[in-house]
Amino acid sequence: MSTLENTISMMEVLPEKDLLEIQSLVQKIFQRHEGKTADEEVGKFLKPMSEEDFLKDVEHAEYEIENGKCRRANEVWSEI
């Protein structure tokens, strides 16, 4: 049985009062994040970048890939 199926089967036997409490908790969790967009969240960590700078970075990355200066992610992770 999957986690989702287990959760549903447990919720089917809960009394109405408990289901309402769960619903209230879920609403509170989502209200905390209401109005936040992905851009706002990412913007906390990354400074804005112009299209020109972005394209320069892409060009530089492509150059490094073509010249063998990059490694596959699985190689890097296997060393960690």
PDB file of N, CA and C in Angstrom:
ATOM      1  N   MET A   1       0.837  -1.175   0.000  1.00  0.00           N
ATOM      2  CA  MET A   1       0.000   0.000   0.000  1.00  0.00           C
ATOM      3  C   MET A   1       0.886   1.243   0.000  1.00  0.00           C
ATOM      4  N   SER A   2       0.546   2.211  -0.813  1.00  0.00           N
ATOM      5  CA  SER A   2       1.341   3.444  -0.891  1.00  0.00           C
ATOM      6  C   SER A   2       1.047   4.345   0.314  1.00  0.00           C
ATOM      7  N   THR A   3       1.874   5.334   0.486  1.00  0.00           N
ATOM      8  CA  THR A   3       1.672   6.294   1.578  1.00  0.00           C
ATOM      9  C   THR A   3       0.325   6.988   1.424  1.00  0.00           C
ATOM     10  N   LEU A   4      -0.016   7.367   0.202  1.00  0.00           N
ATOM     11  CA  LEU A   4      -1.294   8.028  -0.040  1.00  0.00           C
ATOM     12  C   LEU A   4      -2.456   7.101   0.331  1.00  0.00           C
ATOM     13  N   GLU A   5      -2.382   5.844  -0.082  1.00  0.00           N
ATOM     14  CA  GLU A   5      -3.452   4.888   0.235  1.00  0.00           C
ATOM     15  C   GLU A   5      -3.561   4.672   1.744  1.00  0.00           C
ATOM     16  N   ASN A   6      -2.421   4.582   2.429  1.00  0.00           N
ATOM     17  CA  ASN A   6      -2.430   4.438   3.889  1.00  0.00           C
ATOM     18  C   ASN A   6      -3.069   5.644   4.560  1.00  0.00           C
ATOM     19  N   THR A   7      -2.704   6.823   4.090  1.00  0.00           N
ATOM     20  CA  THR A   7      -3.255   8.053   4.662  1.00  0.00           C
ATOM     21  C   THR A   7      -4.765   8.103   4.478  1.00  0.00           C
ATOM     22  N   ILE A   8      -5.218   7.782   3.283  1.00  0.00           N
ATOM     23  CA  ILE A   8      -6.660   7.801   3.003  1.00  0.00           C
ATOM     24  C   ILE A   8      -7.385   6.785   3.867  1.00  0.00           C
ATOM     25  N   SER A   9      -6.832   5.592   3.993  1.00  0.00           N
ATOM     26  CA  SER A   9      -7.505   4.572   4.797  1.00  0.00           C
ATOM     27  C   SER A   9      -7.585   4.980   6.267  1.00  0.00           C
ATOM     28  N   MET A  10      -6.546   5.670   6.777  1.00  0.00           N
ATOM     29  CA  MET A  10      -6.593   6.150   8.165  1.00  0.00           C
ATOM     30  C   MET A  10      -7.632   7.252   8.322  1.00  0.00           C
ATOM     31  N   MET A  11      -7.706   8.134   7.323  1.00  0.00           N
ATOM     32  CA  MET A  11      -8.644   9.254   7.425  1.00  0.00           C
ATOM     33  C   MET A  11     -10.097   8.797   7.315  1.00  0.00           C
ATOM     34  N   GLU A  12     -10.325   7.697   6.633  1.00  0.00           N
ATOM     35  CA  GLU A  12     -11.697   7.204   6.475  1.00  0.00           C
ATOM     36  C   GLU A  12     -12.320   6.782   7.797  1.00  0.00           C
ATOM     37  N   VAL A  13     -11.486   6.411   8.757  1.00  0.00           N
ATOM     38  CA  VAL A  13     -12.023   5.949  10.044  1.00  0.00           C
ATOM     39  C   VAL A  13     -12.020   7.039  11.121  1.00  0.00           C
ATOM     40  N   LEU A  14     -11.478   8.210  10.799  1.00  0.00           N
ATOM     41  CA  LEU A  14     -11.442   9.297  11.779  1.00  0.00           C
ATOM     42  C   LEU A  14     -12.825   9.916  11.964  1.00  0.00           C
ATOM     43  N   PRO A  15     -13.112  10.336  13.189  1.00  0.00           N
ATOM     44  CA  PRO A  15     -14.380  11.042  13.416  1.00  0.00           C
ATOM     45  C   PRO A  15     -14.367  12.428  12.744  1.00  0.00           C
ATOM     46  N   GLU A  16     -15.535  12.948  12.490  1.00  0.00           N
ATOM     47  CA  GLU A  16     -15.693  14.250  11.812  1.00  0.00           C
ATOM     48  C   GLU A  16     -14.895  15.350  12.515  1.00  0.00           C
ATOM     49  N   LYS A  17     -14.897  15.356  13.829  1.00  0.00           N
ATOM     50  CA  LYS A  17     -14.183  16.379  14.601  1.00  0.00           C
ATOM     51  C   LYS A  17     -12.693  16.383  14.259  1.00  0.00           C
ATOM     52  N   ASP A  18     -12.088  15.211  14.196  1.00  0.00           N
ATOM     53  CA  ASP A  18     -10.669  15.114  13.866  1.00  0.00           C
ATOM     54  C   ASP A  18     -10.388  15.561  12.430  1.00  0.00           C
ATOM     55  N   LEU A  19     -11.277  15.212  11.523  1.00  0.00           N
ATOM     56  CA  LEU A  19     -11.111  15.631  10.130  1.00  0.00           C
ATOM     57  C   LEU A  19     -11.165  17.148   9.999  1.00  0.00           C
ATOM     58  N   LEU A  20     -12.041  17.791  10.768  1.00  0.00           N
ATOM     59  CA  LEU A  20     -12.128  19.252  10.747  1.00  0.00           C
ATOM     60  C   LEU A  20     -10.855  19.887  11.305  1.00  0.00           C
ATOM     61  N   GLU A  21     -10.269  19.278  12.332  1.00  0.00           N
ATOM     62  CA  GLU A  21      -9.017  19.793  12.891  1.00  0.00           C
ATOM     63  C   GLU A  21      -7.878  19.673  11.868  1.00  0.00           C
ATOM     64  N   ILE A  22      -7.838  18.560  11.166  1.00  0.00           N
ATOM     65  CA  ILE A  22      -6.815  18.369  10.131  1.00  0.00           C
ATOM     66  C   ILE A  22      -6.991  19.409   9.033  1.00  0.00           C
ATOM     67  N   GLN A  23      -8.221  19.612   8.610  1.00  0.00           N
ATOM     68  CA  GLN A  23      -8.505  20.596   7.569  1.00  0.00           C
ATOM     69  C   GLN A  23      -8.075  21.992   8.014  1.00  0.00           C
ATOM     70  N   SER A  24      -8.346  22.331   9.257  1.00  0.00           N
ATOM     71  CA  SER A  24      -7.969  23.637   9.788  1.00  0.00           C
ATOM     72  C   SER A  24      -6.451  23.805   9.799  1.00  0.00           C
ATOM     73  N   LEU A  25      -5.741  22.768  10.203  1.00  0.00           N
ATOM     74  CA  LEU A  25      -4.283  22.818  10.230  1.00  0.00           C
ATOM     75  C   LEU A  25      -3.714  23.004   8.822  1.00  0.00           C
ATOM     76  N   VAL A  26      -4.235  22.270   7.868  1.00  0.00           N
ATOM     77  CA  VAL A  26      -3.758  22.390   6.493  1.00  0.00           C
ATOM     78  C   VAL A  26      -4.006  23.800   5.960  1.00  0.00           C
ATOM     79  N   GLN A  27      -5.158  24.366   6.261  1.00  0.00           N
ATOM     80  CA  GLN A  27      -5.457  25.732   5.820  1.00  0.00           C
ATOM     81  C   GLN A  27      -4.469  26.726   6.418  1.00  0.00           C
ATOM     82  N   LYS A  28      -4.123  26.552   7.697  1.00  0.00           N
ATOM     83  CA  LYS A  28      -3.159  27.455   8.336  1.00  0.00           C
ATOM     84  C   LYS A  28      -1.791  27.355   7.681  1.00  0.00           C
ATOM     85  N   ILE A  29      -1.383  26.150   7.342  1.00  0.00           N
ATOM     86  CA  ILE A  29      -0.085  25.962   6.699  1.00  0.00           C
ATOM     87  C   ILE A  29      -0.051  26.681   5.358  1.00  0.00           C
ATOM     88  N   PHE A  30      -1.104  26.520   4.557  1.00  0.00           N
ATOM     89  CA  PHE A  30      -1.125  27.144   3.236  1.00  0.00           C
ATOM     90  C   PHE A  30      -1.304  28.653   3.315  1.00  0.00           C
ATOM     91  N   GLN A  31      -1.961  29.161   4.349  1.00  0.00           N
ATOM     92  CA  GLN A  31      -2.125  30.607   4.484  1.00  0.00           C
ATOM     93  C   GLN A  31      -0.790  31.283   4.741  1.00  0.00           C
ATOM     94  N   ARG A  32       0.115  30.590   5.404  1.00  0.00           N
ATOM     95  CA  ARG A  32       1.435  31.169   5.675  1.00  0.00           C
ATOM     96  C   ARG A  32       2.192  31.452   4.393  1.00  0.00           C
ATOM     97  N   HIS A  33       1.941  30.656   3.377  1.00  0.00           N
ATOM     98  CA  HIS A  33       2.672  30.793   2.122  1.00  0.00           C
ATOM     99  C   HIS A  33       1.853  31.484   1.044  1.00  0.00           C
ATOM    100  N   GLU A  34       0.653  31.870   1.390  1.00  0.00           N
ATOM    101  CA  GLU A  34      -0.222  32.523   0.423  1.00  0.00           C
ATOM    102  C   GLU A  34       0.400  33.831  -0.045  1.00  0.00           C
ATOM    103  N   GLY A  35       0.325  34.095  -1.318  1.00  0.00           N
ATOM    104  CA  GLY A  35       0.839  35.352  -1.852  1.00  0.00           C
ATOM    105  C   GLY A  35       2.305  35.319  -2.222  1.00  0.00           C
ATOM    106  N   LYS A  36       3.004  34.291  -1.781  1.00  0.00           N
ATOM    107  CA  LYS A  36       4.411  34.201  -2.150  1.00  0.00           C
ATOM    108  C   LYS A  36       4.503  33.541  -3.519  1.00  0.00           C
ATOM    109  N   THR A  37       5.293  34.120  -4.347  1.00  0.00           N
ATOM    110  CA  THR A  37       5.505  33.505  -5.658  1.00  0.00           C
ATOM    111  C   THR A  37       6.878  32.861  -5.674  1.00  0.00           C
ATOM    112  N   ALA A  38       7.074  31.988  -6.623  1.00  0.00           N
ATOM    113  CA  ALA A  38       8.384  31.344  -6.759  1.00  0.00           C
ATOM    114  C   ALA A  38       9.462  32.388  -6.979  1.00  0.00           C
ATOM    115  N   ASP A  39       9.146  33.413  -7.772  1.00  0.00           N
ATOM    116  CA  ASP A  39      10.133  34.460  -8.037  1.00  0.00           C
ATOM    117  C   ASP A  39      10.555  35.172  -6.759  1.00  0.00           C
ATOM    118  N   GLU A  40       9.595  35.447  -5.882  1.00  0.00           N
ATOM    119  CA  GLU A  40       9.925  36.122  -4.629  1.00  0.00           C
ATOM    120  C   GLU A  40      10.835  35.255  -3.767  1.00  0.00           C
ATOM    121  N   GLU A  41      10.531  33.973  -3.700  1.00  0.00           N
ATOM    122  CA  GLU A  41      11.325  33.070  -2.875  1.00  0.00           C
ATOM    123  C   GLU A  41      12.739  32.910  -3.429  1.00  0.00           C
ATOM    124  N   VAL A  42      12.839  32.719  -4.727  1.00  0.00           N
ATOM    125  CA  VAL A  42      14.151  32.578  -5.351  1.00  0.00           C
ATOM    126  C   VAL A  42      14.922  33.884  -5.237  1.00  0.00           C
ATOM    127  N   GLY A  43      14.222  34.997  -5.342  1.00  0.00           N
ATOM    128  CA  GLY A  43      14.858  36.308  -5.260  1.00  0.00           C
ATOM    129  C   GLY A  43      15.554  36.574  -3.947  1.00  0.00           C
ATOM    130  N   LYS A  44      15.191  35.854  -2.912  1.00  0.00           N
ATOM    131  CA  LYS A  44      15.861  36.009  -1.627  1.00  0.00           C
ATOM    132  C   LYS A  44      17.291  35.496  -1.688  1.00  0.00           C
ATOM    133  N   PHE A  45      17.548  34.581  -2.600  1.00  0.00           N
ATOM    134  CA  PHE A  45      18.856  33.947  -2.659  1.00  0.00           C
ATOM    135  C   PHE A  45      19.692  34.373  -3.866  1.00  0.00           C
ATOM    136  N   LEU A  46      19.037  34.790  -4.927  1.00  0.00           N
ATOM    137  CA  LEU A  46      19.745  35.171  -6.141  1.00  0.00           C
ATOM    138  C   LEU A  46      19.486  36.636  -6.463  1.00  0.00           C
ATOM    139  N   LYS A  47      20.542  37.330  -6.848  1.00  0.00           N
ATOM    140  CA  LYS A  47      20.336  38.722  -7.230  1.00  0.00           C
ATOM    141  C   LYS A  47      19.775  38.765  -8.654  1.00  0.00           C
ATOM    142  N   PRO A  48      19.031  39.809  -8.988  1.00  0.00           N
ATOM    143  CA  PRO A  48      18.466  39.918 -10.340  1.00  0.00           C
ATOM    144  C   PRO A  48      19.577  39.920 -11.396  1.00  0.00           C
ATOM    145  N   MET A  49      19.259  39.351 -12.556  1.00  0.00           N
ATOM    146  CA  MET A  49      20.243  39.240 -13.632  1.00  0.00           C
ATOM    147  C   MET A  49      19.594  39.706 -14.924  1.00  0.00           C
ATOM    148  N   SER A  50      20.333  40.484 -15.673  1.00  0.00           N
ATOM    149  CA  SER A  50      19.807  40.950 -16.959  1.00  0.00           C
ATOM    150  C   SER A  50      19.836  39.805 -17.968  1.00  0.00           C
ATOM    151  N   GLU A  51      19.062  39.948 -19.011  1.00  0.00           N
ATOM    152  CA  GLU A  51      19.041  38.940 -20.062  1.00  0.00           C
ATOM    153  C   GLU A  51      20.429  38.812 -20.692  1.00  0.00           C
ATOM    154  N   GLU A  52      21.089  39.953 -20.862  1.00  0.00           N
ATOM    155  CA  GLU A  52      22.431  39.960 -21.460  1.00  0.00           C
ATOM    156  C   GLU A  52      23.413  39.159 -20.597  1.00  0.00           C
ATOM    157  N   ASP A  53      23.387  39.383 -19.279  1.00  0.00           N
ATOM    158  CA  ASP A  53      24.277  38.633 -18.384  1.00  0.00           C
ATOM    159  C   ASP A  53      23.944  37.142 -18.394  1.00  0.00           C
ATOM    160  N   PHE A  54      22.655  36.828 -18.431  1.00  0.00           N
ATOM    161  CA  PHE A  54      22.233  35.433 -18.473  1.00  0.00           C
ATOM    162  C   PHE A  54      22.778  34.753 -19.727  1.00  0.00           C
ATOM    163  N   LEU A  55      22.628  35.410 -20.879  1.00  0.00           N
ATOM    164  CA  LEU A  55      23.099  34.825 -22.133  1.00  0.00           C
ATOM    165  C   LEU A  55      24.618  34.684 -22.156  1.00  0.00           C
ATOM    166  N   LYS A  56      25.320  35.618 -21.515  1.00  0.00           N
ATOM    167  CA  LYS A  56      26.777  35.491 -21.401  1.00  0.00           C
ATOM    168  C   LYS A  56      27.146  34.259 -20.577  1.00  0.00           C
ATOM    169  N   ASP A  57      26.418  34.042 -19.477  1.00  0.00           N
ATOM    170  CA  ASP A  57      26.676  32.870 -18.645  1.00  0.00           C
ATOM    171  C   ASP A  57      26.415  31.579 -19.415  1.00  0.00           C
ATOM    172  N   VAL A  58      25.347  31.557 -20.199  1.00  0.00           N
ATOM    173  CA  VAL A  58      25.029  30.377 -21.007  1.00  0.00           C
ATOM    174  C   VAL A  58      26.138  30.126 -22.021  1.00  0.00           C
ATOM    175  N   GLU A  59      26.577  31.188 -22.675  1.00  0.00           N
ATOM    176  CA  GLU A  59      27.651  31.072 -23.675  1.00  0.00           C
ATOM    177  C   GLU A  59      28.926  30.531 -23.024  1.00  0.00           C
ATOM    178  N   HIS A  60      29.248  31.049 -21.839  1.00  0.00           N
ATOM    179  CA  HIS A  60      30.450  30.595 -21.124  1.00  0.00           C
ATOM    180  C   HIS A  60      30.313  29.117 -20.734  1.00  0.00           C
ATOM    181  N   ALA A  61      29.142  28.729 -20.271  1.00  0.00           N
ATOM    182  CA  ALA A  61      28.913  27.335 -19.886  1.00  0.00           C
ATOM    183  C   ALA A  61      29.048  26.414 -21.094  1.00  0.00           C
ATOM    184  N   GLU A  62      28.484  26.817 -22.222  1.00  0.00           N
ATOM    185  CA  GLU A  62      28.593  26.011 -23.440  1.00  0.00           C
ATOM    186  C   GLU A  62      30.051  25.864 -23.868  1.00  0.00           C
ATOM    187  N   TYR A  63      30.827  26.936 -23.747  1.00  0.00           N
ATOM    188  CA  TYR A  63      32.253  26.896 -24.078  1.00  0.00           C
ATOM    189  C   TYR A  63      32.969  25.872 -23.190  1.00  0.00           C
ATOM    190  N   GLU A  64      32.693  25.918 -21.882  1.00  0.00           N
ATOM    191  CA  GLU A  64      33.339  24.991 -20.955  1.00  0.00           C
ATOM    192  C   GLU A  64      32.949  23.544 -21.251  1.00  0.00           C
ATOM    193  N   ILE A  65      31.682  23.309 -21.596  1.00  0.00           N
ATOM    194  CA  ILE A  65      31.236  21.956 -21.930  1.00  0.00           C
ATOM    195  C   ILE A  65      31.964  21.450 -23.163  1.00  0.00           C
ATOM    196  N   GLU A  66      32.035  22.286 -24.197  1.00  0.00           N
ATOM    197  CA  GLU A  66      32.697  21.899 -25.443  1.00  0.00           C
ATOM    198  C   GLU A  66      34.178  21.601 -25.233  1.00  0.00           C
ATOM    199  N   ASN A  67      34.805  22.256 -24.269  1.00  0.00           N
ATOM    200  CA  ASN A  67      36.237  22.085 -24.035  1.00  0.00           C
ATOM    201  C   ASN A  67      36.549  21.120 -22.888  1.00  0.00           C
ATOM    202  N   GLY A  68      35.560  20.338 -22.502  1.00  0.00           N
ATOM    203  CA  GLY A  68      35.778  19.295 -21.498  1.00  0.00           C
ATOM    204  C   GLY A  68      36.094  19.802 -20.108  1.00  0.00           C
ATOM    205  N   LYS A  69      35.650  21.006 -19.787  1.00  0.00           N
ATOM    206  CA  LYS A  69      35.947  21.563 -18.468  1.00  0.00           C
ATOM    207  C   LYS A  69      34.846  21.273 -17.449  1.00  0.00           C
ATOM    208  N   CYS A  70      33.847  20.504 -17.854  1.00  0.00           N
ATOM    209  CA  CYS A  70      32.738  20.151 -16.950  1.00  0.00           C
ATOM    210  C   CYS A  70      32.750  18.650 -16.711  1.00  0.00           C
ATOM    211  N   ARG A  71      32.190  18.259 -15.569  1.00  0.00           N
ATOM    212  CA  ARG A  71      32.071  16.841 -15.235  1.00  0.00           C
ATOM    213  C   ARG A  71      30.601  16.493 -15.044  1.00  0.00           C
ATOM    214  N   ARG A  72      30.283  15.250 -15.275  1.00  0.00           N
ATOM    215  CA  ARG A  72      28.906  14.797 -15.082  1.00  0.00           C
ATOM    216  C   ARG A  72      28.561  14.842 -13.596  1.00  0.00           C
ATOM    217  N   ALA A  73      27.323  15.186 -13.289  1.00  0.00           N
ATOM    218  CA  ALA A  73      26.894  15.327 -11.901  1.00  0.00           C
ATOM    219  C   ALA A  73      27.069  14.031 -11.120  1.00  0.00           C
ATOM    220  N   ASN A  74      26.787  12.876 -11.746  1.00  0.00           N
ATOM    221  CA  ASN A  74      26.926  11.625 -11.010  1.00  0.00           C
ATOM    222  C   ASN A  74      28.383  11.355 -10.614  1.00  0.00           C
ATOM    223  N   GLU A  75      29.347  11.839 -11.408  1.00  0.00           N
ATOM    224  CA  GLU A  75      30.756  11.698 -11.033  1.00  0.00           C
ATOM    225  C   GLU A  75      31.064  12.539  -9.789  1.00  0.00           C
ATOM    226  N   VAL A  76      30.559  13.752  -9.782  1.00  0.00           N
ATOM    227  CA  VAL A  76      30.808  14.659  -8.656  1.00  0.00           C
ATOM    228  C   VAL A  76      30.172  14.087  -7.390  1.00  0.00           C
ATOM    229  N   TRP A  77      28.924  13.651  -7.493  1.00  0.00           N
ATOM    230  CA  TRP A  77      28.217  13.114  -6.316  1.00  0.00           C
ATOM    231  C   TRP A  77      28.876  11.857  -5.783  1.00  0.00           C
ATOM    232  N   SER A  78      29.429  11.013  -6.671  1.00  0.00           N
ATOM    233  CA  SER A  78      30.055   9.783  -6.219  1.00  0.00           C
ATOM    234  C   SER A  78      31.315  10.069  -5.394  1.00  0.00           C
ATOM    235  N   GLU A  79      31.926  11.229  -5.606  1.00  0.00           N
ATOM    236  CA  GLU A  79      33.126  11.602  -4.849  1.00  0.00           C
ATOM    237  C   GLU A  79      32.803  12.235  -3.499  1.00  0.00           C
ATOM    238  N   ILE A  80      31.575  12.656  -3.331  1.00  0.00           N
ATOM    239  CA  ILE A  80      31.216  13.356  -2.077  1.00  0.00           C
ATOM    240  C   ILE A  80      30.987  12.364  -0.964  1.00  0.00           C
TER     241      ILE A  80
END
